[in-house]
Amino acid sequence: MYLAKKYLGYWSQDKAKHIITSIWEVIDTTYLAPYFESMPSRIQAVIDAKGGLT
């Protein structure tokens, strides 16, 4: 992922799309699950902070 982020600006849009899609397809859902599950409380924290830092 580091390389994709570092060099994304140097690739064509089609190549960047291919790289991002390839990375997305290999990410394990167990890696992403905690982020999805924490979103309601994270969103509420932003609301409570009136858009400020949380």
N, C-alpha and C. Protein backbone atom coordinates (compact mmCIF):
# COMPACT_ATOMS: atom_id res chain seq x y z
N MET A 1 0.82 -1.20 0.00
CA MET A 1 0.00 0.00 0.00
C MET A 1 0.86 1.25 0.00
N TYR A 2 1.98 1.20 0.70
CA TYR A 2 2.86 2.36 0.76
C TYR A 2 3.28 2.80 -0.63
N LEU A 3 3.66 1.85 -1.45
CA LEU A 3 4.11 2.21 -2.79
C LEU A 3 2.99 2.80 -3.63
N ALA A 4 1.80 2.24 -3.49
CA ALA A 4 0.67 2.78 -4.24
C ALA A 4 0.41 4.22 -3.83
N LYS A 5 0.47 4.51 -2.54
CA LYS A 5 0.23 5.87 -2.06
C LYS A 5 1.35 6.80 -2.50
N LYS A 6 2.58 6.33 -2.42
CA LYS A 6 3.73 7.16 -2.74
C LYS A 6 3.77 7.54 -4.22
N TYR A 7 3.45 6.60 -5.09
CA TYR A 7 3.62 6.83 -6.52
C TYR A 7 2.32 7.04 -7.27
N LEU A 8 1.21 7.16 -6.58
CA LEU A 8 -0.08 7.28 -7.23
C LEU A 8 -0.12 8.45 -8.20
N GLY A 9 0.49 9.57 -7.87
CA GLY A 9 0.47 10.74 -8.73
C GLY A 9 1.25 10.57 -10.01
N TYR A 10 2.09 9.55 -10.11
CA TYR A 10 2.92 9.36 -11.29
C TYR A 10 2.32 8.39 -12.29
N TRP A 11 1.19 7.81 -11.97
CA TRP A 11 0.57 6.84 -12.86
C TRP A 11 -0.63 7.45 -13.56
N SER A 12 -0.98 6.85 -14.69
CA SER A 12 -2.19 7.28 -15.39
C SER A 12 -3.41 6.91 -14.54
N GLN A 13 -4.51 7.51 -14.85
CA GLN A 13 -5.74 7.23 -14.11
C GLN A 13 -6.12 5.75 -14.23
N ASP A 14 -5.97 5.16 -15.41
CA ASP A 14 -6.31 3.75 -15.59
C ASP A 14 -5.40 2.85 -14.76
N LYS A 15 -4.10 3.15 -14.74
CA LYS A 15 -3.17 2.34 -13.97
C LYS A 15 -3.46 2.49 -12.47
N ALA A 16 -3.73 3.71 -12.04
CA ALA A 16 -4.05 3.94 -10.63
C ALA A 16 -5.32 3.18 -10.24
N LYS A 17 -6.32 3.20 -11.09
CA LYS A 17 -7.56 2.48 -10.83
C LYS A 17 -7.30 0.99 -10.70
N HIS A 18 -6.47 0.46 -11.59
CA HIS A 18 -6.12 -0.96 -11.55
C HIS A 18 -5.41 -1.31 -10.24
N ILE A 19 -4.47 -0.49 -9.84
CA ILE A 19 -3.72 -0.75 -8.60
C ILE A 19 -4.64 -0.68 -7.39
N ILE A 20 -5.47 0.34 -7.31
CA ILE A 20 -6.38 0.48 -6.18
C ILE A 20 -7.35 -0.69 -6.12
N THR A 21 -7.90 -1.08 -7.27
CA THR A 21 -8.82 -2.22 -7.32
C THR A 21 -8.12 -3.49 -6.88
N SER A 22 -6.90 -3.70 -7.33
CA SER A 22 -6.14 -4.90 -6.95
C SER A 22 -5.89 -4.94 -5.45
N ILE A 23 -5.52 -3.81 -4.88
CA ILE A 23 -5.29 -3.76 -3.42
C ILE A 23 -6.59 -4.03 -2.68
N TRP A 24 -7.67 -3.40 -3.11
CA TRP A 24 -8.96 -3.55 -2.44
C TRP A 24 -9.41 -5.01 -2.43
N GLU A 25 -9.16 -5.72 -3.52
CA GLU A 25 -9.60 -7.11 -3.64
C GLU A 25 -8.86 -8.05 -2.69
N VAL A 26 -7.65 -7.70 -2.27
CA VAL A 26 -6.89 -8.60 -1.40
C VAL A 26 -6.97 -8.23 0.08
N ILE A 27 -7.61 -7.11 0.40
CA ILE A 27 -7.75 -6.73 1.81
C ILE A 27 -8.75 -7.67 2.47
N ASP A 28 -8.33 -8.26 3.56
CA ASP A 28 -9.18 -9.18 4.30
C ASP A 28 -10.26 -8.39 5.05
N THR A 29 -11.49 -8.85 4.98
CA THR A 29 -12.58 -8.14 5.65
C THR A 29 -12.41 -8.10 7.17
N THR A 30 -11.68 -9.04 7.73
CA THR A 30 -11.45 -8.99 9.18
C THR A 30 -10.54 -7.81 9.53
N TYR A 31 -9.75 -7.35 8.59
CA TYR A 31 -8.92 -6.17 8.81
C TYR A 31 -9.80 -4.91 8.84
N LEU A 32 -10.80 -4.86 7.98
CA LEU A 32 -11.65 -3.68 7.88
C LEU A 32 -12.79 -3.65 8.90
N ALA A 33 -13.20 -4.79 9.40
CA ALA A 33 -14.37 -4.88 10.28
C ALA A 33 -14.31 -3.92 11.47
N PRO A 34 -13.20 -3.81 12.18
CA PRO A 34 -13.17 -2.89 13.32
C PRO A 34 -13.45 -1.43 12.92
N TYR A 35 -13.01 -1.05 11.74
CA TYR A 35 -13.26 0.31 11.27
C TYR A 35 -14.73 0.54 10.98
N PHE A 36 -15.36 -0.45 10.33
CA PHE A 36 -16.79 -0.34 10.06
C PHE A 36 -17.59 -0.32 11.35
N GLU A 37 -17.23 -1.19 12.27
CA GLU A 37 -17.98 -1.30 13.52
C GLU A 37 -17.83 -0.07 14.41
N SER A 38 -16.70 0.62 14.29
CA SER A 38 -16.47 1.80 15.13
C SER A 38 -17.06 3.08 14.54
N MET A 39 -17.54 3.04 13.32
CA MET A 39 -18.02 4.26 12.67
C MET A 39 -19.15 4.96 13.40
N PRO A 40 -20.18 4.27 13.90
CA PRO A 40 -21.24 5.00 14.60
C PRO A 40 -20.72 5.84 15.77
N SER A 41 -19.84 5.28 16.58
CA SER A 41 -19.33 6.05 17.72
C SER A 41 -18.38 7.15 17.25
N ARG A 42 -17.65 6.92 16.19
CA ARG A 42 -16.74 7.95 15.67
C ARG A 42 -17.54 9.12 15.08
N ILE A 43 -18.61 8.80 14.37
CA ILE A 43 -19.47 9.85 13.81
C ILE A 43 -20.11 10.65 14.94
N GLN A 44 -20.58 9.95 15.97
CA GLN A 44 -21.20 10.64 17.11
C GLN A 44 -20.19 11.55 17.80
N ALA A 45 -18.94 11.13 17.90
CA ALA A 45 -17.91 11.96 18.51
C ALA A 45 -17.71 13.25 17.71
N VAL A 46 -17.75 13.16 16.40
CA VAL A 46 -17.62 14.36 15.56
C VAL A 46 -18.82 15.28 15.76
N ILE A 47 -20.00 14.69 15.83
CA ILE A 47 -21.22 15.48 16.07
C ILE A 47 -21.13 16.18 17.43
N ASP A 48 -20.74 15.42 18.46
CA ASP A 48 -20.62 16.00 19.80
C ASP A 48 -19.58 17.12 19.86
N ALA A 49 -18.54 16.99 19.06
CA ALA A 49 -17.47 18.01 19.01
C ALA A 49 -17.82 19.14 18.03
N LYS A 50 -19.02 19.07 17.48
CA LYS A 50 -19.50 20.08 16.52
C LYS A 50 -18.50 20.26 15.37
N GLY A 51 -17.97 19.13 14.91
CA GLY A 51 -17.06 19.15 13.78
C GLY A 51 -15.62 19.40 14.15
N GLY A 52 -15.35 19.61 15.42
CA GLY A 52 -13.99 19.85 15.86
C GLY A 52 -13.22 18.55 16.04
N LEU A 53 -12.05 18.68 16.65
CA LEU A 53 -11.22 17.51 16.89
C LEU A 53 -11.91 16.55 17.85
N THR A 54 -11.68 15.28 17.64
CA THR A 54 -12.29 14.27 18.53
C THR A 54 -11.21 13.53 19.28
